[in-house]
Each structure stands twice: as structure tokens, then as C-alpha cells.
Protein backbone atom coordinates (compact mmCIF):
# COMPACT_ATOMS: atom_id res chain seq x y z
CA MET A 1 35.02 -24.48 36.16
CA PRO A 2 36.16 -21.55 37.95
CA ASP A 3 37.75 -18.81 36.61
CA PRO A 4 40.84 -17.32 37.95
CA ALA A 5 42.68 -13.99 36.83
CA PRO A 6 42.95 -13.39 33.02
CA GLY A 7 46.75 -14.10 32.14
CA ALA A 8 47.50 -16.55 34.36
CA GLY A 9 47.09 -19.67 32.10
CA PHE A 10 45.52 -21.12 29.67
CA SER A 11 41.47 -20.82 28.20
CA LEU A 12 39.47 -23.75 27.05
CA LEU A 13 36.98 -22.83 24.20
CA ALA A 14 34.85 -24.20 21.76
CA ALA A 15 35.43 -24.52 18.19
CA SER A 16 32.31 -23.05 17.10
CA ALA A 17 28.88 -22.56 18.35
CA ALA A 18 28.04 -26.27 16.97
CA ASP A 19 30.76 -27.79 19.05
CA LEU A 20 28.50 -26.68 22.33
CA ARG A 21 25.83 -28.28 21.10
CA ARG A 22 27.14 -31.64 20.49
CA GLU A 23 25.01 -34.68 21.54
CA GLY A 24 26.78 -36.32 24.57
CA LEU A 25 28.74 -33.23 25.38
CA ALA A 26 27.50 -32.30 28.76
CA ASP A 27 28.10 -36.25 29.71
CA ALA A 28 31.96 -35.63 28.78
CA LEU A 29 32.21 -32.47 30.57
CA GLY A 30 30.63 -34.11 33.70
CA ARG A 31 33.23 -37.19 33.51
CA ALA A 32 36.16 -34.73 32.77
CA LEU A 33 35.32 -32.36 36.04
CA GLY A 34 33.29 -34.79 38.07
CA MET A 35 30.01 -33.45 38.27
CA GLU A 36 26.48 -34.28 37.30
CA THR A 37 25.44 -34.45 33.98
CA GLU A 38 22.66 -31.75 34.57
CA GLU A 39 25.36 -29.51 36.35
CA ALA A 40 27.65 -30.06 33.55
CA ALA A 41 24.58 -28.53 30.95
CA GLU A 42 24.07 -25.59 32.75
CA ALA A 43 27.82 -25.14 32.83
CA LEU A 44 27.65 -25.34 28.97
CA ARG A 45 24.69 -23.16 28.83
CA ARG A 46 26.09 -20.31 30.65
CA SER A 47 29.66 -20.45 29.36
CA GLY A 48 29.80 -18.21 26.66
CA GLY A 49 31.92 -20.89 24.63
CA ILE A 50 34.40 -20.24 27.33
CA LEU A 51 34.65 -23.33 29.61
CA GLY A 52 37.67 -22.07 31.69
CA GLU A 53 40.46 -19.34 32.07
CA GLY A 54 43.84 -19.35 34.11
CA LEU A 55 44.33 -23.00 33.75
CA PRO A 56 47.33 -25.07 33.60
CA ARG A 57 48.15 -25.94 29.96
CA GLY A 58 48.09 -30.09 30.69
CA GLU A 59 44.65 -29.64 32.45
CA ALA A 60 43.07 -27.95 30.00
CA GLU A 61 44.40 -30.45 27.49
CA ARG A 62 43.24 -33.09 29.30
CA VAL A 63 39.34 -31.81 29.44
CA ALA A 64 39.84 -30.72 25.59
CA GLY A 65 40.79 -34.53 24.91
CA ILE A 66 37.91 -35.80 27.09
CA LEU A 67 35.35 -33.29 25.07
CA ARG A 68 36.71 -34.44 21.43
CA GLU A 69 35.31 -37.97 22.57
CA ALA A 70 31.89 -36.50 21.97
CA SER A 71 33.10 -35.21 18.27
CA ALA A 72 33.35 -31.44 19.92
CA ALA A 73 36.15 -29.59 18.94
CA PHE A 74 37.88 -27.19 21.49
CA LEU A 75 40.92 -25.10 21.37
CA VAL A 76 43.69 -24.27 24.18
CA LEU A 77 44.85 -20.86 23.84
CA PRO A 78 46.87 -18.50 26.00
CA ASP A 79 44.75 -16.43 28.33
CA GLY A 80 45.97 -13.04 26.73
CA GLU A 81 44.32 -14.00 23.47
CA VAL A 82 40.96 -14.17 25.11
CA ALA A 83 41.40 -10.31 26.11
CA ALA A 84 38.44 -8.23 27.55
CA PRO A 85 36.43 -6.25 24.89
CA ALA A 86 37.55 -2.79 23.93
CA ALA A 87 36.32 -0.05 26.02
CA LEU A 88 32.56 0.67 25.38
CA GLU A 89 31.53 3.58 22.99
CA GLN A 90 27.58 4.50 23.17
CA ALA A 91 26.39 5.86 20.22
CA SER A 92 23.38 8.67 20.03
CA ARG A 93 22.39 8.06 16.71
CA VAL A 94 22.89 5.23 13.81
CA ALA A 95 21.98 5.29 10.52
CA LEU A 96 22.44 2.25 7.74
CA VAL A 97 23.84 3.40 4.75
CA PRO A 98 25.23 1.64 1.67
CA GLU A 99 29.06 1.95 2.67
CA GLY A 100 28.09 0.69 6.43
CA LEU A 101 27.12 2.67 9.38
CA ASP A 102 27.10 6.45 10.09
CA VAL A 103 27.23 6.82 13.71
CA ARG A 104 26.87 10.00 16.07
CA PHE A 105 28.26 10.13 19.64
CA PRO A 106 26.70 11.97 22.26
CA GLY A 107 29.39 14.75 22.41
CA GLY A 108 28.44 15.67 18.66
CA ASP A 109 31.14 13.51 16.67
CA GLY A 110 30.69 11.00 14.47
CA VAL A 111 32.29 8.64 12.20
CA ARG A 112 31.41 5.96 9.14
CA ILE A 113 31.80 2.58 10.06
CA GLY A 114 32.49 0.69 6.57
CA TRP A 115 31.25 -3.08 6.52
CA ASP A 116 34.87 -4.54 6.77
CA ARG A 117 35.40 -3.23 10.28
CA ILE A 118 32.75 -5.15 11.73
CA ALA A 119 33.82 -8.30 13.44
CA VAL A 120 31.16 -9.41 15.76
CA ILE A 121 27.90 -8.55 15.91
CA ALA A 122 25.97 -9.37 19.29
CA LEU A 123 22.30 -9.10 19.92
CA GLY A 124 21.17 -10.03 23.62
CA SER A 125 18.90 -9.03 26.20
CA TRP A 126 19.33 -9.76 30.26
CA GLN A 127 17.12 -8.80 33.03
CA GLU A 128 18.20 -5.79 35.17
CA THR A 129 16.98 -4.78 38.62
CA VAL A 130 17.24 -0.81 38.49
CA THR A 131 16.23 1.79 41.11
CA VAL A 132 14.13 4.55 39.99
CA ARG A 133 13.03 7.79 41.77
CA LYS A 134 9.53 8.58 41.83
CA TYR A 135 8.08 11.91 42.84
CA ARG A 136 4.44 12.48 44.29
CA ARG A 137 2.69 15.61 43.58
CA ALA A 138 2.62 17.78 47.40
CA GLU A 139 -1.14 17.68 48.40
CA GLY A 140 -2.68 21.00 50.20
CA PRO A 141 -3.47 20.95 53.84
CA SER A 142 -7.10 19.12 54.68
CA GLY A 143 -10.29 20.91 55.36
CA VAL A 144 -9.54 20.06 59.05
CA GLU A 145 -6.16 21.51 58.87
CA VAL A 146 -7.28 24.74 57.30
CA LEU A 147 -10.14 25.36 59.97
CA ALA A 148 -7.57 24.59 62.60
CA ARG A 149 -5.38 26.88 61.45
CA ALA A 150 -7.77 29.64 61.09
CA GLY A 151 -9.80 29.17 64.02
CA VAL A 152 -7.44 27.94 66.61
CA VAL A 153 -4.16 29.83 65.26
CA GLY A 154 -6.12 32.64 64.39
CA LEU A 155 -4.78 33.05 61.19
CA PRO A 156 -7.00 34.93 58.05
CA LEU A 157 -8.53 31.99 55.79
CA ALA A 158 -6.60 33.11 52.74
CA LEU A 159 -3.37 32.44 54.85
CA ALA A 160 -4.60 29.04 56.02
CA LEU A 161 -5.35 27.81 52.83
CA GLY A 162 -1.80 29.01 51.52
CA ALA A 163 -0.12 27.36 54.85
CA GLY A 164 0.49 24.11 52.90
CA ALA A 165 0.92 24.71 49.27
CA SER A 166 4.65 24.96 49.93
CA ARG A 167 5.14 21.60 50.95
CA LYS A 168 7.61 19.79 48.81
CA PRO A 169 7.01 16.66 46.44
CA ALA A 170 7.07 13.51 48.32
CA ARG A 171 9.90 11.77 46.66
CA ARG A 172 10.23 7.64 46.98
CA SER A 173 13.11 4.85 45.53
CA VAL A 174 11.16 2.22 43.64
CA ARG A 175 13.23 -0.99 42.70
CA ARG A 176 12.04 -2.70 39.42
CA THR A 177 13.09 -5.57 37.20
CA GLU A 178 13.28 -4.93 33.32
CA PHE A 179 14.60 -6.30 30.33
CA ARG A 180 18.07 -4.49 29.03
CA ASN A 181 18.32 -5.04 25.20
CA VAL A 182 21.47 -3.90 23.49
CA LEU A 183 23.29 -4.51 20.16
CA ASP A 184 27.11 -4.60 20.82
CA LEU A 185 29.51 -4.41 17.45
CA LEU A 186 33.06 -5.17 17.64
CA LEU A 187 35.26 -3.27 15.17
CA ILE A 188 38.70 -3.60 14.07
CA ASP A 189 41.62 -1.93 12.65
CA PRO A 190 41.40 0.03 15.11
CA GLY A 191 39.89 -2.36 17.72
CA GLU A 192 36.54 -0.95 19.15
CA ARG A 193 33.04 -1.63 20.61
CA LEU A 194 30.42 0.05 19.60
CA ARG A 195 26.95 -0.23 21.73
CA ILE A 196 23.61 0.53 20.59
CA GLU A 197 21.02 0.42 22.98
CA GLY A 198 17.28 -0.86 22.58
CA ASP A 199 15.74 1.89 24.76
CA GLY A 200 15.07 4.26 22.49
CA SER A 201 18.38 6.32 23.77
CA CYS A 202 19.89 6.13 20.08
CA GLY A 203 18.14 7.12 16.97
CA LEU A 204 17.99 4.71 14.45
CA ALA A 205 17.71 5.40 10.56
CA GLY A 206 18.29 4.04 7.36
CA LEU A 207 16.01 1.01 7.99
CA GLY A 208 13.76 1.20 4.78
CA GLU A 209 10.77 -1.29 4.69
CA ASN A 210 12.42 -3.11 7.46
CA ARG A 211 11.57 -0.10 10.03
CA ALA A 212 9.16 -1.31 12.89
CA PRO A 213 6.83 0.53 14.92
CA THR A 214 8.77 0.35 18.43
CA THR A 215 12.40 0.70 19.02
CA LEU A 216 13.06 -2.55 20.32
CA GLY A 217 11.87 -3.94 17.05
CA ASN A 218 13.93 -1.21 14.96
CA LEU A 219 17.10 -2.28 17.37
CA ARG A 220 16.52 -6.45 15.87
CA ALA A 221 16.12 -4.87 12.16
CA LEU A 222 19.20 -3.15 12.30
CA ALA A 223 21.08 -6.54 13.57
CA ALA A 224 19.78 -8.34 10.97
CA ALA A 225 20.49 -5.85 8.32
CA LEU A 226 23.68 -5.96 9.45
CA ALA A 227 23.94 -9.95 9.72
CA ALA A 228 22.71 -10.15 5.91
CA ALA A 229 25.70 -7.38 5.47
CA VAL A 230 28.55 -8.91 6.90
CA PRO A 231 27.61 -12.51 6.66
CA ALA A 232 31.39 -13.40 8.13
CA ALA A 233 31.09 -11.67 11.17
CA GLY A 234 30.66 -13.59 14.27
CA ARG A 235 27.04 -13.52 15.93
CA SER A 236 25.83 -13.98 19.45
CA ALA A 237 23.78 -16.76 20.33
CA GLY A 238 21.12 -14.10 20.90
CA LEU A 239 21.12 -13.13 17.60
CA GLU A 240 21.30 -16.39 16.13
CA ARG A 241 18.06 -17.25 18.21
CA PHE A 242 16.26 -13.97 16.61
CA LEU A 243 17.33 -14.57 13.15
CA ALA A 244 15.79 -18.48 13.51
CA GLY A 245 12.63 -16.65 14.51
CA GLU A 246 12.97 -16.68 18.62
CA HIS A 247 12.12 -13.68 20.93
CA PRO A 248 13.61 -12.34 24.12
CA PRO A 249 13.39 -14.12 27.05
CA GLU A 250 14.67 -16.64 24.65
CA THR A 251 17.56 -14.62 23.19
CA GLY A 252 18.49 -13.50 26.99
CA TYR A 253 21.50 -13.68 28.89
CA GLY A 254 22.28 -14.45 32.94
CA ASP A 255 23.62 -11.24 33.09
CA GLU A 256 25.93 -8.40 31.00
CA ARG A 257 28.93 -10.51 32.02
CA GLU A 258 27.76 -13.25 30.32
CA PHE A 259 26.65 -11.54 27.52
CA LEU A 260 30.66 -9.95 27.20
CA ARG A 261 32.07 -13.44 27.94
CA GLU A 262 30.56 -14.68 24.80
CA GLN A 263 32.06 -11.62 23.17
CA ARG A 264 35.37 -12.13 24.06
CA TRP A 265 34.87 -15.89 22.64
CA LEU A 266 34.02 -14.81 19.37
CA ALA A 267 36.81 -12.36 18.82
CA ALA A 268 38.94 -15.42 20.30
CA LEU A 269 37.79 -17.48 17.59
CA ARG A 270 38.06 -14.82 14.94
CA GLY A 271 42.12 -14.26 16.12
CA ALA A 272 42.80 -17.74 15.89
CA ALA A 273 41.41 -18.31 12.48
CA SER A 274 43.17 -15.06 11.52
CA GLU A 275 46.70 -16.69 12.64
CA GLU A 276 45.87 -20.00 10.64
């Protein structure tokens, strides 16, 4: 289902992660949208819980009604209630303490985040293609070049040997694909989004006996500790699969956009529940 600009109408959301897995749901979605079951199943898998945005209310209600025939609960909410995540704040150090998290930021500022502020815990990974600049050490002149400079040009041998020493290192750009592993926390009062990278750029402390030998292992250990400490918080599919014993790439997303889409869904469900 296409995604028009947010705010243009209504959004169609699964009421829970379990509702996205109902047997026969792909068949029902295929009937509602006129697509093959396989295509509908892929749309569900990549939906992040949000099957459509910017829809006329009647259309959203029509599709929701057909999906309910598969015993799946879906919500129709104004687009404004499925808002984009808050601006990202990058952590440089996170320590697990009895009261919550002690967080430091790149500028040196710090804050303590209590358990009651953590609304969503999102662990995820996706593949990214990055460009890396690599430098190759400059090589001195070859033996033939030295003799040529000394004999033909007439340079003293010592000068000929040093003639190529000032060559600049060769630079080249290399594109490679790698996994990006992150832990995002959606916070309330006020609404904020904290990101902890799994590449070692954020120091992690206070994990105790759960501390792992790798930075990625520590990121997962922190996510598991947070899930245990705040059981009412929303959990990303990546976190749920990890807690169930799966590992990347099974916990992966197609890209960061898909990861953030799921966060919007989890936040919207929390907001809808708080209004009931």
C-alpha cells in the first residue's frame, strides 16, 4: 500500500505484533488490495506494523474490516497520531544503574534516565553500503629510477635516492557493505529518542555478569537488561527475535527507514492505549 505524505488522512495499523502474524492474514490483505498472496505477505513483513498512511478514512476502514475476518485487530488512526520519532540524540557512554541509565553525550553533558521514561526499546540491524577512504603507503623510487636519475640526469646518488621519497600516499575509495547495529530508546516526559551504536563508539558499563567480550554482545546485553527492567515498554521485532534466541541477520531490517517505521508504530500504539 503506498505511503502518501503524513497528515493527509488516516493510517491503518496492526493492534499488536501478534495480529501481524495471524494465519490467513496475507490472503485477506491480498483480497483487500487486489494483490497476490506472496506479494501481500512481503508487504506485511516489511510494514513495520503500519499498512498504510494518508488514506481516506473509508478506505482504511474497509481494509481493516476485511483483515478482521482473519481474526486480526487493526486500528484506524489520524495520521497525526502516527508521528515521526523525536530528533535523535547520540550517546557516547551509557551506564546501567539501579535507578535507570546514566547517559553521557559527545559534548560532555550527562543525564539520568529513569525506568519510567523508557517507552519503547528498539534493537535492530540492517545492511548499509559505506564508502571508506584508504591510503596506501608511498613507495620510493625503483632501482632503475635511481640509476636513471644518477646516471642520466647527473644527480648525485644520495639525491637520486631521495628524489621519490616525497611522493604522497596513494588514496582510493572503497565501497563495502556492512551491518549497522543500533539500540534506540523512545523516551517520554519529554519525548526524546536516544541511540546507542553497536560499533564501539558508545561506551557501555554496569552490565555486571552480563558483560560480553564484544561491543555488539554488550549492546544486546543492555537491550535484554532494559527489556527485563521495563516489561511494559514496547519492543521492536528485532529485540523480540533476539530475546527468543535468534541473531542477525534474522533480527535485521531492510534499511533504517523500515526500523524507524516500526518505532512510529510502537509509539502510536502506546499513545492509543494511554487514551483508552
